[in-house]
């Protein structure tokens, strides 16, 4: 039998006159908005440096400016990303030239190999054959069927759910391909943006905007919100942060494989539940469930976790220990 010692977490968010958080800022690994520089907009200490090509210029994007890529490579430093765990990578892309015309693939995201690790790297590209968007992780490919056209914005999201062992590819918010990943491979390499893993060749030609890497498993609703409002808005609550005692009480306890919840009326009738490790990795996420049930079967090992309860009116978090 596992017992749960409940500890109050740091914040509780109220909907108010704005909108609720669509994605959790604490789980964002990196975010580039390309507003005139390559400064990371997440709370992590990621740095980006251009290693190939002329200095990047910026043009009108989907949300403010976009980075203009032409035979260049931008490389992360201190990313702290491991493709073994769940992730979502999203960005707006716009090709000035098609892969079929260039007679080569164009790589937007490619994770470097690390000595002693499996080549389970992540990449996101537009294929030479058919000008189709494709994604890859742990030896598994997911490709769209439809060709893209030049000078057109597309929103691309690659989602890996490590718990389900599934890789999803969304284009403009629509799920276009799904693949099973039975054996995820660990790779902690840095990310190359705009070129292949060696920082040379397979250059992307065009623009990128609103580039996001998060350890959250984004769903169609999350992606739609990001497309419509932008990543910065999705990370914002639009309201102030309150103490637990002031708004939206959340209690939880664990007994014999069952997570028990108690919430006040401010949460409404339905919510999504997500349990994260303290390193930010998603352990379990439910679909929309009735809060009147109050009991949810979930198997947890000993450790410290964060429970996130997201309803249509409120998002609350609580940190707990299973011992």
Protein backbone atom coordinates (compact mmCIF):
# COMPACT_ATOMS: atom_id res chain seq x y z
CA UNK A 1 0.00 0.00 0.00
CA UNK A 2 1.27 3.44 -0.91
CA UNK A 3 0.45 6.47 1.22
CA UNK A 4 0.36 10.00 -0.08
CA UNK A 5 1.62 12.96 1.88
CA UNK A 6 -0.01 16.04 0.43
CA UNK A 7 1.98 19.24 0.10
CA UNK A 8 0.48 22.48 -1.15
CA UNK A 9 1.96 23.60 -4.43
CA UNK A 10 2.82 27.15 -5.31
CA UNK A 11 0.00 28.40 -7.44
CA UNK A 12 -3.67 28.34 -8.35
CA UNK A 13 -5.00 30.11 -11.42
CA UNK A 14 -8.37 31.78 -11.85
CA UNK A 15 -10.02 32.30 -15.24
CA UNK A 16 -11.28 35.83 -14.59
CA UNK A 17 -11.73 38.05 -17.62
CA UNK A 18 -8.84 36.55 -19.57
CA UNK A 19 -8.20 32.99 -20.68
CA UNK A 20 -6.78 30.07 -18.71
CA UNK A 21 -3.34 28.62 -19.40
CA UNK A 22 -3.47 26.20 -22.31
CA UNK A 23 0.06 24.91 -21.76
CA UNK A 24 2.11 24.77 -18.57
CA UNK A 25 5.04 27.25 -18.65
CA UNK A 26 6.98 25.14 -16.15
CA UNK A 27 7.05 22.27 -18.66
CA UNK A 28 8.22 24.36 -21.61
CA UNK A 29 11.76 23.32 -22.56
CA UNK A 30 12.36 26.07 -25.09
CA UNK A 31 10.49 28.79 -26.97
CA UNK A 32 11.72 31.05 -29.79
CA UNK A 33 9.48 33.91 -30.90
CA UNK A 34 12.05 35.38 -33.37
CA UNK A 35 11.25 38.94 -32.33
CA UNK A 36 14.46 40.35 -33.75
CA UNK A 37 16.78 37.91 -31.97
CA UNK A 38 17.38 34.27 -31.00
CA UNK A 39 16.68 34.77 -27.30
CA UNK A 40 14.89 31.85 -25.65
CA UNK A 41 11.55 32.83 -24.14
CA UNK A 42 11.19 29.95 -21.68
CA UNK A 43 12.20 29.87 -18.03
CA UNK A 44 15.15 27.57 -18.81
CA UNK A 45 18.70 28.67 -19.56
CA UNK A 46 18.79 27.63 -23.22
CA UNK A 47 21.04 29.61 -25.56
CA UNK A 48 20.88 29.60 -29.36
CA UNK A 49 23.84 30.42 -31.58
CA UNK A 50 23.98 30.67 -35.35
CA UNK A 51 26.86 28.54 -36.64
CA UNK A 52 26.32 28.64 -40.41
CA UNK A 53 25.26 31.25 -42.96
CA UNK A 54 24.83 35.00 -43.05
CA UNK A 55 23.34 36.66 -39.96
CA UNK A 56 19.65 35.90 -39.61
CA UNK A 57 17.15 38.50 -40.73
CA UNK A 58 13.54 38.80 -39.66
CA UNK A 59 10.30 39.35 -41.53
CA UNK A 60 6.58 39.43 -40.81
CA UNK A 61 5.43 36.15 -39.28
CA UNK A 62 2.25 34.76 -37.79
CA UNK A 63 2.78 36.46 -34.42
CA UNK A 64 5.03 39.47 -34.84
CA UNK A 65 8.29 38.61 -36.59
CA UNK A 66 9.61 35.34 -38.01
CA UNK A 67 13.17 34.18 -38.55
CA UNK A 68 14.28 34.01 -42.19
CA UNK A 69 16.35 30.89 -42.93
CA UNK A 70 18.62 30.52 -45.96
CA UNK A 71 21.55 28.06 -45.88
CA UNK A 72 22.05 28.58 -42.16
CA UNK A 73 22.12 26.60 -38.93
CA UNK A 74 21.10 27.64 -35.41
CA UNK A 75 22.19 25.36 -32.55
CA UNK A 76 20.89 25.14 -28.98
CA UNK A 77 23.08 24.98 -25.89
CA UNK A 78 21.90 23.65 -22.53
CA UNK A 79 18.57 22.44 -23.90
CA UNK A 80 18.04 19.62 -21.40
CA UNK A 81 15.89 17.65 -23.84
CA UNK A 82 15.72 13.84 -23.99
CA UNK A 83 13.77 12.18 -26.81
CA UNK A 84 13.15 9.13 -24.59
CA UNK A 85 10.45 11.05 -22.73
CA UNK A 86 7.21 12.64 -23.92
CA UNK A 87 7.54 15.82 -25.94
CA UNK A 88 5.72 18.16 -28.29
CA UNK A 89 7.51 20.26 -30.89
CA UNK A 90 5.51 22.92 -32.71
CA UNK A 91 6.29 25.73 -35.15
CA UNK A 92 4.95 27.78 -38.02
CA UNK A 93 6.95 27.25 -41.24
CA UNK A 94 6.79 28.93 -44.64
CA UNK A 95 8.95 27.68 -47.54
CA UNK A 96 10.42 30.08 -50.06
CA UNK A 97 11.53 27.11 -52.16
CA UNK A 98 10.15 23.57 -52.37
CA UNK A 99 12.22 20.47 -51.65
CA UNK A 100 11.28 18.95 -55.00
CA UNK A 101 12.72 21.99 -56.79
CA UNK A 102 15.90 21.96 -54.70
CA UNK A 103 16.14 18.17 -55.22
CA UNK A 104 16.79 17.58 -51.51
CA UNK A 105 15.01 17.44 -48.20
CA UNK A 106 14.78 20.57 -46.06
CA UNK A 107 15.36 20.06 -42.34
CA UNK A 108 13.77 22.38 -39.81
CA UNK A 109 14.65 20.49 -36.62
CA UNK A 110 17.34 17.84 -36.16
CA UNK A 111 18.70 16.53 -32.87
CA UNK A 112 22.42 15.82 -32.77
CA UNK A 113 23.84 12.40 -31.98
CA UNK A 114 25.56 11.94 -28.64
CA UNK A 115 28.47 9.53 -28.21
CA UNK A 116 27.38 6.37 -26.42
CA UNK A 117 23.66 6.98 -26.96
CA UNK A 118 21.24 5.50 -29.44
CA UNK A 119 20.53 7.56 -32.58
CA UNK A 120 16.96 8.11 -31.39
CA UNK A 121 17.20 11.73 -32.37
CA UNK A 122 14.20 13.80 -33.32
CA UNK A 123 13.84 15.55 -36.61
CA UNK A 124 11.20 17.51 -38.49
CA UNK A 125 11.57 18.08 -42.22
CA UNK A 126 9.95 18.51 -45.62
CA UNK A 127 10.76 15.56 -47.87
CA UNK A 128 12.20 15.82 -51.37
CA UNK A 129 9.67 13.34 -52.75
CA UNK A 130 6.22 14.89 -52.79
CA UNK A 131 7.10 17.97 -50.71
CA UNK A 132 5.53 16.28 -47.70
CA UNK A 133 6.07 17.20 -44.07
CA UNK A 134 7.67 14.40 -42.05
CA UNK A 135 8.76 13.73 -38.48
CA UNK A 136 10.96 11.06 -36.89
CA UNK A 137 11.97 9.71 -33.50
CA UNK A 138 13.50 6.43 -32.26
CA UNK A 139 13.61 4.94 -35.74
CA UNK A 140 9.94 5.63 -36.48
CA UNK A 141 8.81 7.96 -39.27
CA UNK A 142 5.51 9.78 -39.63
CA UNK A 143 4.86 11.56 -42.91
CA UNK A 144 1.95 13.61 -44.17
CA UNK A 145 0.30 12.51 -47.41
CA UNK A 146 -0.38 15.94 -48.90
CA UNK A 147 2.23 18.19 -50.46
CA UNK A 148 2.85 21.70 -49.21
CA UNK A 149 3.15 24.72 -51.50
CA UNK A 150 5.63 27.57 -51.41
CA UNK A 151 5.02 30.96 -49.79
CA UNK A 152 2.32 29.54 -47.53
CA UNK A 153 2.28 29.27 -43.74
CA UNK A 154 1.79 25.82 -42.18
CA UNK A 155 1.60 24.98 -38.50
CA UNK A 156 3.42 21.72 -37.76
CA UNK A 157 3.34 19.80 -34.47
CA UNK A 158 5.18 16.58 -33.68
CA UNK A 159 3.91 14.91 -30.49
CA UNK A 160 5.47 11.88 -28.81
CA UNK A 161 3.48 10.27 -25.99
CA UNK A 162 5.98 8.05 -24.17
CA UNK A 163 3.30 6.47 -22.00
CA UNK A 164 1.23 5.37 -24.98
CA UNK A 165 4.25 4.75 -27.23
CA UNK A 166 2.73 6.82 -30.04
CA UNK A 167 4.12 9.49 -32.36
CA UNK A 168 1.62 11.97 -33.82
CA UNK A 169 1.99 14.50 -36.62
CA UNK A 170 -0.39 17.45 -36.86
CA UNK A 171 -0.49 19.88 -39.79
CA UNK A 172 -2.57 23.02 -39.29
CA UNK A 173 -4.09 21.41 -36.21
CA UNK A 174 -5.25 18.28 -38.03
CA UNK A 175 -3.85 14.86 -37.10
CA UNK A 176 -2.41 13.56 -40.39
CA UNK A 177 -0.25 10.62 -39.28
CA UNK A 178 0.22 8.29 -36.31
CA UNK A 179 2.98 5.77 -35.66
CA UNK A 180 3.78 3.30 -32.90
CA UNK A 181 7.10 3.73 -31.07
CA UNK A 182 7.56 0.45 -29.17
CA UNK A 183 11.13 1.12 -28.00
CA UNK A 184 11.88 4.80 -27.33
CA UNK A 185 15.59 5.59 -27.49
CA UNK A 186 17.37 7.99 -25.18
CA UNK A 187 19.11 10.90 -26.87
CA UNK A 188 20.11 14.11 -25.10
CA UNK A 189 21.69 15.86 -28.06
CA UNK A 190 21.28 19.55 -28.74
CA UNK A 191 18.85 20.75 -31.40
CA UNK A 192 19.91 22.13 -34.78
CA UNK A 193 17.34 24.50 -36.28
CA UNK A 194 17.31 25.02 -40.04
CA UNK A 195 19.80 22.31 -41.03
CA UNK A 196 20.81 18.67 -40.54
CA UNK A 197 22.43 17.25 -37.43
CA UNK A 198 25.93 18.14 -38.66
CA UNK A 199 24.90 21.80 -38.92
CA UNK A 200 25.49 21.62 -42.67
CA UNK A 201 23.34 20.48 -45.58
CA UNK A 202 19.62 19.82 -45.87
CA UNK A 203 19.13 23.53 -45.17
CA UNK A 204 15.60 24.86 -44.73
CA UNK A 205 14.74 27.74 -47.04
CA UNK A 206 12.00 30.00 -45.73
CA UNK A 207 10.66 31.34 -42.45
CA UNK A 208 9.92 29.94 -38.99
CA UNK A 209 7.82 31.48 -36.22
CA UNK A 210 6.63 30.57 -32.71
CA UNK A 211 8.92 27.56 -32.19
CA UNK A 212 8.07 25.52 -29.07
CA UNK A 213 9.50 22.45 -27.33
CA UNK A 214 7.60 21.20 -24.28
CA UNK A 215 7.42 17.98 -22.28
CA UNK A 216 3.62 18.21 -22.34
CA UNK A 217 1.69 15.90 -24.66
CA UNK A 218 -0.32 18.49 -26.55
CA UNK A 219 -3.73 17.49 -27.89
CA UNK A 220 -5.81 18.95 -30.71
CA UNK A 221 -7.38 21.57 -28.45
CA UNK A 222 -3.97 22.74 -27.20
CA UNK A 223 -2.63 22.96 -30.74
CA UNK A 224 -5.68 24.85 -31.97
CA UNK A 225 -5.24 27.39 -29.16
CA UNK A 226 -1.56 27.84 -30.00
CA UNK A 227 -2.34 28.31 -33.69
CA UNK A 228 -5.03 30.89 -32.95
CA UNK A 229 -3.43 32.81 -30.09
CA UNK A 230 0.28 32.02 -30.16
CA UNK A 231 2.58 30.25 -27.71
CA UNK A 232 3.06 33.30 -25.49
CA UNK A 233 -0.70 33.58 -24.97
CA UNK A 234 -0.99 29.84 -24.33
CA UNK A 235 1.55 30.14 -21.52
CA UNK A 236 -0.22 33.12 -19.95
CA UNK A 237 -3.08 32.89 -17.47
CA UNK A 238 -4.41 36.34 -18.29
CA UNK A 239 -5.03 36.76 -14.54
CA UNK A 240 -3.12 37.07 -11.32
CA UNK A 241 -1.81 34.16 -9.29
CA UNK A 242 -3.70 33.36 -6.11
CA UNK A 243 -3.01 31.40 -2.98
CA UNK A 244 -4.77 28.04 -2.62
CA UNK A 245 -6.81 29.37 0.28
CA UNK A 246 -8.14 32.21 -1.86
CA UNK A 247 -9.44 30.31 -4.86
CA UNK A 248 -10.13 26.82 -6.15
CA UNK A 249 -9.37 24.35 -3.38
CA UNK A 250 -7.86 21.04 -4.47
CA UNK A 251 -7.19 18.07 -2.20
CA UNK A 252 -5.92 14.62 -3.12
CA UNK A 253 -4.92 11.37 -1.46
CA UNK A 254 -3.70 8.01 -2.72
CA UNK A 255 -4.81 4.61 -1.46
CA UNK A 256 -4.27 1.16 -2.98
CA UNK A 257 -3.75 2.30 -6.53
CA UNK A 258 -6.54 4.89 -6.53
CA UNK A 259 -6.06 8.65 -6.68
CA UNK A 260 -8.85 10.37 -4.77
CA UNK A 261 -9.72 14.02 -5.44
CA UNK A 262 -11.80 16.63 -3.69
CA UNK A 263 -12.46 19.95 -5.45
CA UNK A 264 -14.77 22.87 -4.83
CA UNK A 265 -17.55 24.01 -7.17
CA UNK A 266 -15.28 26.50 -8.95
CA UNK A 267 -13.80 23.65 -10.98
CA UNK A 268 -17.10 22.78 -12.65
CA UNK A 269 -18.07 19.24 -13.60
CA UNK A 270 -15.25 18.03 -15.85
CA UNK A 271 -11.48 18.32 -16.00
CA UNK A 272 -8.33 16.78 -17.40
CA UNK A 273 -5.82 15.29 -14.95
CA UNK A 274 -2.08 15.16 -15.56
CA UNK A 275 0.62 13.80 -13.26
CA UNK A 276 4.20 14.97 -13.80
CA UNK A 277 7.49 13.97 -12.24
CA UNK A 278 9.50 16.74 -10.59
CA UNK A 279 11.75 16.79 -13.68
CA UNK A 280 8.73 17.81 -15.74
CA UNK A 281 8.12 14.49 -17.48
CA UNK A 282 4.50 13.51 -18.02
CA UNK A 283 3.63 10.31 -16.13
CA UNK A 284 -0.10 10.07 -16.80
CA UNK A 285 -2.74 12.19 -18.50
CA UNK A 286 -6.47 11.53 -18.71
CA UNK A 287 -9.09 12.62 -21.19
CA UNK A 288 -11.91 14.82 -19.89
CA UNK A 289 -13.31 13.09 -16.80
CA UNK A 290 -16.21 13.79 -14.47
CA UNK A 291 -15.04 15.32 -11.21
CA UNK A 292 -18.05 13.81 -9.50
CA UNK A 293 -16.32 10.42 -9.78
CA UNK A 294 -13.48 11.59 -7.51
CA UNK A 295 -11.64 8.25 -7.85
CA UNK A 296 -9.12 7.46 -10.57
CA UNK A 297 -7.04 4.32 -10.96
CA UNK A 298 -3.36 5.14 -11.38
CA UNK A 299 -0.20 3.25 -10.43
CA UNK A 300 2.60 5.41 -9.06
CA UNK A 301 6.04 4.51 -7.79
CA UNK A 302 7.57 6.15 -4.75
CA UNK A 303 8.55 9.73 -5.41
CA UNK A 304 7.47 13.35 -5.63
CA UNK A 305 4.89 14.32 -8.26
CA UNK A 306 2.88 17.30 -9.47
CA UNK A 307 -0.83 16.80 -10.14
CA UNK A 308 -2.36 19.28 -12.59
CA UNK A 309 -6.16 19.55 -12.74
CA UNK A 310 -7.42 21.56 -15.74
CA UNK A 311 -11.10 22.40 -16.04
CA UNK A 312 -12.83 24.87 -18.35
CA UNK A 313 -12.72 27.51 -15.62
CA UNK A 314 -9.60 26.80 -13.58
CA UNK A 315 -6.17 25.21 -13.53
CA UNK A 316 -4.79 24.10 -10.16
CA UNK A 317 -1.64 22.21 -9.27
CA UNK A 318 -0.65 20.34 -6.15
CA UNK A 319 2.68 18.72 -5.33
CA UNK A 320 2.58 15.40 -3.49
CA UNK A 321 4.81 12.60 -2.28
CA UNK A 322 4.08 8.89 -2.70
CA UNK A 323 6.02 6.92 -0.10
